[in-house]
Amino acid sequence: MMKKNRLIFYSVFGALHLFIFLFSLYMDGQKENVAFLFQMQGKIWMLKYGSLILLFLMVANVILHYRDNRRNQREKDELTKELNNLKVKLYDLQEAAKNKPVPQPPTN
């Protein structure tokens, strides 16, 4: 299950991609309307900064993914170490039980 902040991150990321896709479809439909295209030239800064935000989000995603993988690997290593310690203790208990002399019943 994804964490809440990761879900929010991917929602924003997806919404920005959807906006850029719909914007490009709309612009493609306005090929014949040259006046509209010149008017949109003044608004191109929004697309530029939107794509820059997407780039920052992608870098943040890579950093978060790397950090999560490192944390998960650390947890896995700790659990493996704990499991090995428990196996050693169990083996020692079994060896101690094997080497313990068996008491003989008293003879009358």
Protein backbone atom coordinates (compact mmCIF):
# COMPACT_ATOMS: atom_id res chain seq x y z
CA MET A 1 0.00 0.00 0.00
CA MET A 2 1.33 3.40 -0.95
CA LYS A 3 1.73 6.09 1.64
CA LYS A 4 -0.58 9.10 1.53
CA ASN A 5 2.17 11.54 0.50
CA ARG A 6 3.21 9.24 -2.36
CA LEU A 7 -0.41 9.09 -3.60
CA ILE A 8 -0.66 12.89 -3.51
CA PHE A 9 2.66 13.13 -5.37
CA TYR A 10 1.53 10.80 -8.15
CA SER A 11 -1.87 12.55 -8.37
CA VAL A 12 -0.20 15.93 -8.97
CA PHE A 13 2.28 14.36 -11.36
CA GLY A 14 -0.51 12.70 -13.36
CA ALA A 15 -2.67 15.84 -13.38
CA LEU A 16 0.18 17.93 -14.80
CA HIS A 17 0.86 15.34 -17.49
CA LEU A 18 -2.83 15.21 -18.37
CA PHE A 19 -2.97 19.02 -18.60
CA ILE A 20 0.04 19.15 -20.93
CA PHE A 21 -1.45 16.39 -23.10
CA LEU A 22 -4.84 18.10 -23.37
CA PHE A 23 -3.16 21.45 -24.02
CA SER A 24 -1.12 19.95 -26.86
CA LEU A 25 -4.29 18.40 -28.38
CA TYR A 26 -6.06 21.75 -28.18
CA MET A 27 -3.11 23.56 -29.77
CA ASP A 28 -2.96 20.97 -32.54
CA GLY A 29 -6.62 21.65 -33.33
CA GLN A 30 -5.94 25.39 -33.76
CA LYS A 31 -3.48 25.07 -36.67
CA GLU A 32 -5.55 27.24 -39.01
CA ASN A 33 -6.22 30.00 -36.45
CA VAL A 34 -2.93 31.91 -36.71
CA ALA A 35 -4.15 34.80 -34.55
CA PHE A 36 -4.91 32.38 -31.74
CA LEU A 37 -1.46 30.83 -32.04
CA PHE A 38 0.19 34.26 -31.80
CA GLN A 39 -1.95 35.02 -28.77
CA MET A 40 -0.89 31.74 -27.15
CA GLN A 41 2.76 32.63 -27.76
CA GLY A 42 2.41 35.06 -24.86
CA LYS A 43 1.21 32.21 -22.60
CA ILE A 44 3.95 29.73 -23.49
CA TRP A 45 5.69 30.52 -20.17
CA MET A 46 3.02 28.45 -18.41
CA LEU A 47 3.96 25.39 -20.42
CA LYS A 48 7.65 26.05 -19.82
CA TYR A 49 7.26 26.32 -16.04
CA GLY A 50 4.82 23.41 -15.95
CA SER A 51 7.37 21.17 -17.62
CA LEU A 52 10.05 22.45 -15.22
CA ILE A 53 7.81 21.50 -12.28
CA LEU A 54 7.35 18.05 -13.81
CA LEU A 55 11.11 17.71 -14.10
CA PHE A 56 11.53 18.62 -10.41
CA LEU A 57 8.83 16.12 -9.48
CA MET A 58 10.59 13.41 -11.47
CA VAL A 59 13.88 14.13 -9.68
CA ALA A 60 12.05 14.08 -6.32
CA ASN A 61 10.51 10.74 -7.27
CA VAL A 62 13.92 9.25 -8.07
CA ILE A 63 15.33 10.52 -4.76
CA LEU A 64 12.37 9.16 -2.77
CA HIS A 65 12.60 5.82 -4.54
CA TYR A 66 16.33 5.56 -3.82
CA ARG A 67 15.76 6.48 -0.16
CA ASP A 68 12.96 3.93 0.23
CA ASN A 69 15.06 1.19 -1.35
CA ARG A 70 17.96 1.97 0.98
CA ARG A 71 15.67 1.92 4.04
CA ASN A 72 14.05 -1.36 2.95
CA GLN A 73 17.47 -2.95 2.37
CA ARG A 74 18.61 -1.82 5.83
CA GLU A 75 15.48 -3.34 7.41
CA LYS A 76 16.00 -6.56 5.48
CA ASP A 77 19.62 -6.76 6.65
CA GLU A 78 18.58 -6.19 10.28
CA LEU A 79 15.91 -8.89 10.06
CA THR A 80 18.38 -11.33 8.49
CA LYS A 81 20.89 -10.60 11.25
CA GLU A 82 18.21 -11.14 13.93
CA LEU A 83 17.13 -14.40 12.29
CA ASN A 84 20.72 -15.64 12.21
CA ASN A 85 21.17 -14.75 15.89
CA LEU A 86 18.04 -16.70 16.77
CA LYS A 87 19.26 -19.68 14.76
CA VAL A 88 22.58 -19.60 16.62
CA LYS A 89 20.82 -19.48 19.99
CA LEU A 90 18.57 -22.39 19.01
CA TYR A 91 21.57 -24.41 17.86
CA ASP A 92 23.40 -23.68 21.13
CA LEU A 93 20.36 -24.80 23.14
CA GLN A 94 20.15 -28.03 21.14
CA GLU A 95 23.86 -28.72 21.62
CA ALA A 96 23.60 -28.03 25.36
CA ALA A 97 20.66 -30.44 25.63
CA LYS A 98 22.61 -33.11 23.70
CA ASN A 99 25.70 -32.84 25.87
CA LYS A 100 23.81 -32.79 29.16
CA PRO A 101 24.19 -36.14 30.95
CA VAL A 102 21.02 -38.13 31.33
CA PRO A 103 20.33 -38.89 35.02
CA GLN A 104 20.22 -42.60 35.84
CA PRO A 105 17.28 -43.89 37.84
CA PRO A 106 18.21 -44.89 41.39
CA THR A 107 18.78 -48.57 41.93
CA ASN A 108 17.31 -50.25 45.02
